[in-house]
Amino acid sequence: MVEPSGILGVTAVALGMVLTPGPNMIYLVSRSITQGRRAGMVSLGGVALGFMVYLLAANLGLSVFFVAVPELYFAVKLAGAGYLAHLAWNALKPGGVSVFAPQDVPHDSPRKLFTMGLMTNLLNPKIAIMYLSLIPQFIDLDKGHVLLQGLVLGSVQIVVSIAVNLAIVLAAGAIAVFLERRPSWLKVQRYAMGTVLGTLAVSLAVDNSGPARAS
């Protein structure tokens, strides 16, 4: 039902975005470094719930929206390409600061950690745009079951994001020390992610396929 190209496309988008420093990564890393891995994992639980909220809300609406008004696909696609280009520029521009630099934050209870993780994700514009502008273009209307396709593709994004963020939480302390001793590696990470996001942005912008088809 879901084309392999669609799964690969969502995986590439999810990887490019989760590896680009943003509110989720900054929050999870700061908690993991200052309050320990357990705090980072509790915070990640809140982030995961935020992904699920977006997954259900976006797909319940999109299953009707994109079938009824497929012409708006092109506007949505360009908006997604523009945002990817913006993320690519932020990754490549000079003066970037490592998210793994220790932050002075207070120690919070597990309940507050979970809630803050949830709210950080729900208020993250990057996640909203990904679900509303990027993932829907990998849905193929000709295959039918638009809602199910959206749920499957969104689940792929969640699995990729949670797996990467969990690895970051578990390794945050070691990564912070590594980058502090080898600042040149931070530039490598920024340039690699910027290149991936920029390539995806150009690919989406020049794609001439019909509404909701994988690029």
C-alpha atoms as a PDB file:
ATOM      1  CA  MET A   1       0.000   0.000   0.000  1.00  0.00           C
ATOM      2  CA  VAL A   2       2.821   2.407   0.881  1.00  0.00           C
ATOM      3  CA  GLU A   3       5.549   2.553  -1.756  1.00  0.00           C
ATOM      4  CA  PRO A   4       9.130   1.801  -0.620  1.00  0.00           C
ATOM      5  CA  SER A   5      10.156   5.134  -2.159  1.00  0.00           C
ATOM      6  CA  GLY A   6       7.705   6.876   0.167  1.00  0.00           C
ATOM      7  CA  ILE A   7       9.150   5.138   3.233  1.00  0.00           C
ATOM      8  CA  LEU A   8      12.693   5.992   2.130  1.00  0.00           C
ATOM      9  CA  GLY A   9      11.687   9.584   1.453  1.00  0.00           C
ATOM     10  CA  VAL A  10      10.111  10.026   4.889  1.00  0.00           C
ATOM     11  CA  THR A  11      13.137   8.352   6.492  1.00  0.00           C
ATOM     12  CA  ALA A  12      15.492  10.792   4.759  1.00  0.00           C
ATOM     13  CA  VAL A  13      13.388  13.796   5.789  1.00  0.00           C
ATOM     14  CA  ALA A  14      13.086  12.537   9.368  1.00  0.00           C
ATOM     15  CA  LEU A  15      16.825  11.927   9.649  1.00  0.00           C
ATOM     16  CA  GLY A  16      17.703  15.314   8.189  1.00  0.00           C
ATOM     17  CA  MET A  17      15.376  17.125  10.580  1.00  0.00           C
ATOM     18  CA  VAL A  18      16.085  15.143  13.768  1.00  0.00           C
ATOM     19  CA  LEU A  19      19.842  15.589  13.298  1.00  0.00           C
ATOM     20  CA  THR A  20      19.457  19.335  12.807  1.00  0.00           C
ATOM     21  CA  PRO A  21      19.625  21.167  16.159  1.00  0.00           C
ATOM     22  CA  GLY A  22      16.196  22.388  17.220  1.00  0.00           C
ATOM     23  CA  PRO A  23      14.034  22.784  20.361  1.00  0.00           C
ATOM     24  CA  ASN A  24      13.640  19.031  20.936  1.00  0.00           C
ATOM     25  CA  MET A  25      17.337  18.247  20.661  1.00  0.00           C
ATOM     26  CA  ILE A  26      18.372  21.238  22.760  1.00  0.00           C
ATOM     27  CA  TYR A  27      15.924  20.317  25.533  1.00  0.00           C
ATOM     28  CA  LEU A  28      16.804  16.611  25.565  1.00  0.00           C
ATOM     29  CA  VAL A  29      20.552  17.222  25.510  1.00  0.00           C
ATOM     30  CA  SER A  30      20.429  19.876  28.239  1.00  0.00           C
ATOM     31  CA  ARG A  31      18.428  17.565  30.510  1.00  0.00           C
ATOM     32  CA  SER A  32      20.640  14.570  29.832  1.00  0.00           C
ATOM     33  CA  ILE A  33      23.849  16.470  30.548  1.00  0.00           C
ATOM     34  CA  THR A  34      22.692  18.375  33.635  1.00  0.00           C
ATOM     35  CA  GLN A  35      20.242  15.902  35.219  1.00  0.00           C
ATOM     36  CA  GLY A  36      21.310  12.515  33.862  1.00  0.00           C
ATOM     37  CA  ARG A  37      20.189   9.952  31.322  1.00  0.00           C
ATOM     38  CA  ARG A  38      17.026   9.023  33.228  1.00  0.00           C
ATOM     39  CA  ALA A  39      15.817  12.622  33.036  1.00  0.00           C
ATOM     40  CA  GLY A  40      16.594  12.666  29.319  1.00  0.00           C
ATOM     41  CA  MET A  41      14.597   9.491  28.741  1.00  0.00           C
ATOM     42  CA  VAL A  42      11.605  10.775  30.714  1.00  0.00           C
ATOM     43  CA  SER A  43      11.727  13.976  28.654  1.00  0.00           C
ATOM     44  CA  LEU A  44      11.923  11.878  25.487  1.00  0.00           C
ATOM     45  CA  GLY A  45       8.690  10.140  26.527  1.00  0.00           C
ATOM     46  CA  GLY A  46       6.942  13.505  26.437  1.00  0.00           C
ATOM     47  CA  VAL A  47       8.447  14.262  23.034  1.00  0.00           C
ATOM     48  CA  ALA A  48       7.191  10.898  21.732  1.00  0.00           C
ATOM     49  CA  LEU A  49       3.643  11.653  22.910  1.00  0.00           C
ATOM     50  CA  GLY A  50       3.845  14.992  21.098  1.00  0.00           C
ATOM     51  CA  PHE A  51       4.712  13.180  17.858  1.00  0.00           C
ATOM     52  CA  MET A  52       1.676  10.919  18.286  1.00  0.00           C
ATOM     53  CA  VAL A  53      -0.628  13.896  18.858  1.00  0.00           C
ATOM     54  CA  TYR A  54       0.593  15.505  15.638  1.00  0.00           C
ATOM     55  CA  LEU A  55       0.339  12.187  13.782  1.00  0.00           C
ATOM     56  CA  LEU A  56      -3.325  11.674  14.647  1.00  0.00           C
ATOM     57  CA  ALA A  57      -4.399  15.313  14.301  1.00  0.00           C
ATOM     58  CA  ALA A  58      -2.694  15.847  10.955  1.00  0.00           C
ATOM     59  CA  ASN A  59      -3.821  12.606   9.334  1.00  0.00           C
ATOM     60  CA  LEU A  60      -7.439  12.758  10.465  1.00  0.00           C
ATOM     61  CA  GLY A  61      -7.686  16.096   8.699  1.00  0.00           C
ATOM     62  CA  LEU A  62      -5.422  15.363   5.747  1.00  0.00           C
ATOM     63  CA  SER A  63      -7.270  12.188   4.789  1.00  0.00           C
ATOM     64  CA  VAL A  64     -10.151  14.453   3.746  1.00  0.00           C
ATOM     65  CA  PHE A  65      -8.271  17.631   2.852  1.00  0.00           C
ATOM     66  CA  PHE A  66      -5.913  16.281   0.198  1.00  0.00           C
ATOM     67  CA  VAL A  67      -8.561  14.185  -1.537  1.00  0.00           C
ATOM     68  CA  ALA A  68     -10.961  17.121  -1.735  1.00  0.00           C
ATOM     69  CA  VAL A  69      -8.406  19.784  -2.725  1.00  0.00           C
ATOM     70  CA  PRO A  70      -5.389  18.093  -4.369  1.00  0.00           C
ATOM     71  CA  GLU A  71      -4.433  21.341  -6.178  1.00  0.00           C
ATOM     72  CA  LEU A  72      -3.170  22.806  -2.914  1.00  0.00           C
ATOM     73  CA  TYR A  73      -0.508  20.090  -2.852  1.00  0.00           C
ATOM     74  CA  PHE A  74       1.843  22.283  -4.878  1.00  0.00           C
ATOM     75  CA  ALA A  75       1.583  25.175  -2.436  1.00  0.00           C
ATOM     76  CA  VAL A  76       2.172  22.807   0.470  1.00  0.00           C
ATOM     77  CA  LYS A  77       5.168  21.280  -1.301  1.00  0.00           C
ATOM     78  CA  LEU A  78       6.773  24.656  -1.929  1.00  0.00           C
ATOM     79  CA  ALA A  79       6.221  25.636   1.708  1.00  0.00           C
ATOM     80  CA  GLY A  80       7.959  22.446   2.801  1.00  0.00           C
ATOM     81  CA  ALA A  81      10.840  23.011   0.378  1.00  0.00           C
ATOM     82  CA  GLY A  82      11.235  26.562   1.660  1.00  0.00           C
ATOM     83  CA  TYR A  83      11.389  25.407   5.249  1.00  0.00           C
ATOM     84  CA  LEU A  84      13.975  22.736   4.436  1.00  0.00           C
ATOM     85  CA  ALA A  85      16.050  25.431   2.720  1.00  0.00           C
ATOM     86  CA  HIS A  86      15.755  27.564   5.850  1.00  0.00           C
ATOM     87  CA  LEU A  87      16.984  24.687   8.021  1.00  0.00           C
ATOM     88  CA  ALA A  88      19.842  24.038   5.589  1.00  0.00           C
ATOM     89  CA  TRP A  89      20.945  27.685   5.825  1.00  0.00           C
ATOM     90  CA  ASN A  90      20.816  27.596   9.633  1.00  0.00           C
ATOM     91  CA  ALA A  91      23.024  24.507   9.601  1.00  0.00           C
ATOM     92  CA  LEU A  92      25.552  25.950   7.128  1.00  0.00           C
ATOM     93  CA  LYS A  93      25.823  29.577   8.215  1.00  0.00           C
ATOM     94  CA  PRO A  94      28.885  30.643  10.241  1.00  0.00           C
ATOM     95  CA  GLY A  95      28.688  31.017  13.984  1.00  0.00           C
ATOM     96  CA  GLY A  96      26.711  27.890  14.825  1.00  0.00           C
ATOM     97  CA  VAL A  97      26.744  26.830  18.464  1.00  0.00           C
ATOM     98  CA  SER A  98      26.834  23.203  19.542  1.00  0.00           C
ATOM     99  CA  VAL A  99      23.682  21.980  21.281  1.00  0.00           C
ATOM    100  CA  PHE A 100      25.988  19.798  23.360  1.00  0.00           C
ATOM    101  CA  ALA A 101      27.402  22.762  25.285  1.00  0.00           C
ATOM    102  CA  PRO A 102      26.308  22.360  28.932  1.00  0.00           C
ATOM    103  CA  GLN A 103      23.304  24.496  29.888  1.00  0.00           C
ATOM    104  CA  ASP A 104      22.521  25.808  33.374  1.00  0.00           C
ATOM    105  CA  VAL A 105      19.009  24.437  33.989  1.00  0.00           C
ATOM    106  CA  PRO A 106      17.231  23.536  37.259  1.00  0.00           C
ATOM    107  CA  HIS A 107      16.497  19.918  38.204  1.00  0.00           C
ATOM    108  CA  ASP A 108      12.816  19.072  37.729  1.00  0.00           C
ATOM    109  CA  SER A 109      10.517  16.227  38.762  1.00  0.00           C
ATOM    110  CA  PRO A 110       9.781  13.368  36.300  1.00  0.00           C
ATOM    111  CA  ARG A 111       6.251  14.716  35.785  1.00  0.00           C
ATOM    112  CA  LYS A 112       7.550  18.163  34.854  1.00  0.00           C
ATOM    113  CA  LEU A 113      10.256  16.657  32.639  1.00  0.00           C
ATOM    114  CA  PHE A 114       7.613  14.649  30.727  1.00  0.00           C
ATOM    115  CA  THR A 115       5.285  17.648  30.419  1.00  0.00           C
ATOM    116  CA  MET A 116       8.077  19.935  29.233  1.00  0.00           C
ATOM    117  CA  GLY A 117       9.140  17.347  26.652  1.00  0.00           C
ATOM    118  CA  LEU A 118       5.549  17.164  25.399  1.00  0.00           C
ATOM    119  CA  MET A 119       5.102  20.939  25.234  1.00  0.00           C
ATOM    120  CA  THR A 120       8.520  21.483  23.635  1.00  0.00           C
ATOM    121  CA  ASN A 121       7.475  19.151  20.810  1.00  0.00           C
ATOM    122  CA  LEU A 122       3.921  20.472  20.423  1.00  0.00           C
ATOM    123  CA  LEU A 123       5.197  24.052  20.201  1.00  0.00           C
ATOM    124  CA  ASN A 124       7.987  23.142  17.767  1.00  0.00           C
ATOM    125  CA  PRO A 125       7.129  24.671  14.355  1.00  0.00           C
ATOM    126  CA  LYS A 126       9.534  22.267  12.657  1.00  0.00           C
ATOM    127  CA  ILE A 127       7.365  19.299  13.651  1.00  0.00           C
ATOM    128  CA  ALA A 128       4.122  21.001  12.611  1.00  0.00           C
ATOM    129  CA  ILE A 129       5.508  21.839   9.174  1.00  0.00           C
ATOM    130  CA  MET A 130       6.886  18.320   8.743  1.00  0.00           C
ATOM    131  CA  TYR A 131       3.478  16.727   9.312  1.00  0.00           C
ATOM    132  CA  LEU A 132       1.508  19.299   7.332  1.00  0.00           C
ATOM    133  CA  SER A 133       3.913  19.991   4.454  1.00  0.00           C
ATOM    134  CA  LEU A 134       6.522  17.265   4.046  1.00  0.00           C
ATOM    135  CA  ILE A 135       5.126  13.841   4.934  1.00  0.00           C
ATOM    136  CA  PRO A 136       1.817  14.256   2.989  1.00  0.00           C
ATOM    137  CA  GLN A 137       3.617  14.506  -0.349  1.00  0.00           C
ATOM    138  CA  PHE A 138       4.729  10.877  -0.010  1.00  0.00           C
ATOM    139  CA  ILE A 139       1.091   9.740   0.110  1.00  0.00           C
ATOM    140  CA  ASP A 140      -0.102   8.304  -3.213  1.00  0.00           C
ATOM    141  CA  LEU A 141      -3.799   8.998  -3.833  1.00  0.00           C
ATOM    142  CA  ASP A 142      -3.915   6.284  -6.498  1.00  0.00           C
ATOM    143  CA  LYS A 143      -3.140   3.666  -3.859  1.00  0.00           C
ATOM    144  CA  GLY A 144      -6.197   4.608  -1.789  1.00  0.00           C
ATOM    145  CA  HIS A 145      -6.463   4.409   1.999  1.00  0.00           C
ATOM    146  CA  VAL A 146      -5.032   7.892   2.421  1.00  0.00           C
ATOM    147  CA  LEU A 147      -5.529   7.881   6.187  1.00  0.00           C
ATOM    148  CA  LEU A 148      -3.726   4.555   6.614  1.00  0.00           C
ATOM    149  CA  GLN A 149      -0.850   5.678   4.376  1.00  0.00           C
ATOM    150  CA  GLY A 150      -0.475   8.829   6.443  1.00  0.00           C
ATOM    151  CA  LEU A 151      -0.431   6.864   9.689  1.00  0.00           C
ATOM    152  CA  VAL A 152       2.166   4.421   8.370  1.00  0.00           C
ATOM    153  CA  LEU A 153       4.454   7.152   7.029  1.00  0.00           C
ATOM    154  CA  GLY A 154       4.036   9.204  10.186  1.00  0.00           C
ATOM    155  CA  SER A 155       4.916   6.143  12.250  1.00  0.00           C
ATOM    156  CA  VAL A 156       8.117   5.757  10.236  1.00  0.00           C
ATOM    157  CA  GLN A 157       9.031   9.333  11.144  1.00  0.00           C
ATOM    158  CA  ILE A 158       8.296   8.705  14.821  1.00  0.00           C
ATOM    159  CA  VAL A 159      10.422   5.543  14.930  1.00  0.00           C
ATOM    160  CA  VAL A 160      13.356   7.302  13.247  1.00  0.00           C
ATOM    161  CA  SER A 161      13.104  10.374  15.462  1.00  0.00           C
ATOM    162  CA  ILE A 162      12.744   8.469  18.730  1.00  0.00           C
ATOM    163  CA  ALA A 163      15.613   6.100  17.862  1.00  0.00           C
ATOM    164  CA  VAL A 164      17.966   8.971  17.007  1.00  0.00           C
ATOM    165  CA  ASN A 165      16.922  11.054  20.015  1.00  0.00           C
ATOM    166  CA  LEU A 166      17.343   8.061  22.344  1.00  0.00           C
ATOM    167  CA  ALA A 167      20.868   7.549  21.040  1.00  0.00           C
ATOM    168  CA  ILE A 168      21.564  11.250  21.591  1.00  0.00           C
ATOM    169  CA  VAL A 169      20.201  11.114  25.156  1.00  0.00           C
ATOM    170  CA  LEU A 170      22.337   8.089  26.017  1.00  0.00           C
ATOM    171  CA  ALA A 171      25.473   9.564  24.465  1.00  0.00           C
ATOM    172  CA  ALA A 172      24.982  13.262  25.264  1.00  0.00           C
ATOM    173  CA  GLY A 173      27.682  13.453  27.916  1.00  0.00           C
ATOM    174  CA  ALA A 174      30.280  11.650  25.829  1.00  0.00           C
ATOM    175  CA  ILE A 175      29.402  13.697  22.731  1.00  0.00           C
ATOM    176  CA  ALA A 176      29.725  16.951  24.682  1.00  0.00           C
ATOM    177  CA  VAL A 177      33.237  16.020  25.795  1.00  0.00           C
ATOM    178  CA  PHE A 178      34.175  14.825  22.299  1.00  0.00           C
ATOM    179  CA  LEU A 179      33.052  18.031  20.588  1.00  0.00           C
ATOM    180  CA  GLU A 180      34.645  20.212  23.243  1.00  0.00           C
ATOM    181  CA  ARG A 181      37.980  18.601  22.449  1.00  0.00           C
ATOM    182  CA  ARG A 182      37.431  18.468  18.673  1.00  0.00           C
ATOM    183  CA  PRO A 183      35.475  21.576  17.555  1.00  0.00           C
ATOM    184  CA  SER A 184      36.206  20.837  13.888  1.00  0.00           C
ATOM    185  CA  TRP A 185      33.838  17.856  14.072  1.00  0.00           C
ATOM    186  CA  LEU A 186      30.959  20.213  14.826  1.00  0.00           C
ATOM    187  CA  LYS A 187      31.531  21.878  11.459  1.00  0.00           C
ATOM    188  CA  VAL A 188      31.506  18.476   9.748  1.00  0.00           C
ATOM    189  CA  GLN A 189      28.133  17.663  11.354  1.00  0.00           C
ATOM    190  CA  ARG A 190      26.677  21.038  10.397  1.00  0.00           C
ATOM    191  CA  TYR A 191      27.878  20.871   6.786  1.00  0.00           C
ATOM    192  CA  ALA A 192      26.697  17.282   6.326  1.00  0.00           C
ATOM    193  CA  MET A 193      23.205  17.996   7.648  1.00  0.00           C
ATOM    194  CA  GLY A 194      22.983  21.288   5.768  1.00  0.00           C
ATOM    195  CA  THR A 195      23.874  19.537   2.527  1.00  0.00           C
ATOM    196  CA  VAL A 196      21.256  16.803   3.066  1.00  0.00           C
ATOM    197  CA  LEU A 197      18.523  19.326   3.861  1.00  0.00           C
ATOM    198  CA  GLY A 198      19.507  21.608   0.984  1.00  0.00           C
ATOM    199  CA  THR A 199      19.436  18.702  -1.474  1.00  0.00           C
ATOM    200  CA  LEU A 200      15.978  17.681  -0.258  1.00  0.00           C
ATOM    201  CA  ALA A 201      14.746  21.273  -0.572  1.00  0.00           C
ATOM    202  CA  VAL A 202      15.915  21.569  -4.183  1.00  0.00           C
ATOM    203  CA  SER A 203      14.474  18.150  -5.023  1.00  0.00           C
ATOM    204  CA  LEU A 204      11.049  19.122  -3.681  1.00  0.00           C
ATOM    205  CA  ALA A 205      11.080  22.526  -5.366  1.00  0.00           C
ATOM    206  CA  VAL A 206      11.843  21.184  -8.872  1.00  0.00           C
ATOM    207  CA  ASP A 207       9.640  18.093  -8.643  1.00  0.00           C
ATOM    208  CA  ASN A 208       6.824  18.231 -11.216  1.00  0.00           C
ATOM    209  CA  SER A 209       4.900  15.117 -10.151  1.00  0.00           C
ATOM    210  CA  GLY A 210       1.211  15.267  -9.413  1.00  0.00           C
ATOM    211  CA  PRO A 211      -0.463  15.832  -6.055  1.00  0.00           C
ATOM    212  CA  ALA A 212       0.521  13.580  -3.175  1.00  0.00           C
ATOM    213  CA  ARG A 213       2.929  11.446  -5.144  1.00  0.00           C
ATOM    214  CA  ALA A 214       6.340  10.502  -3.831  1.00  0.00           C
ATOM    215  CA  SER A 215       9.142  12.613  -5.206  1.00  0.00           C
END
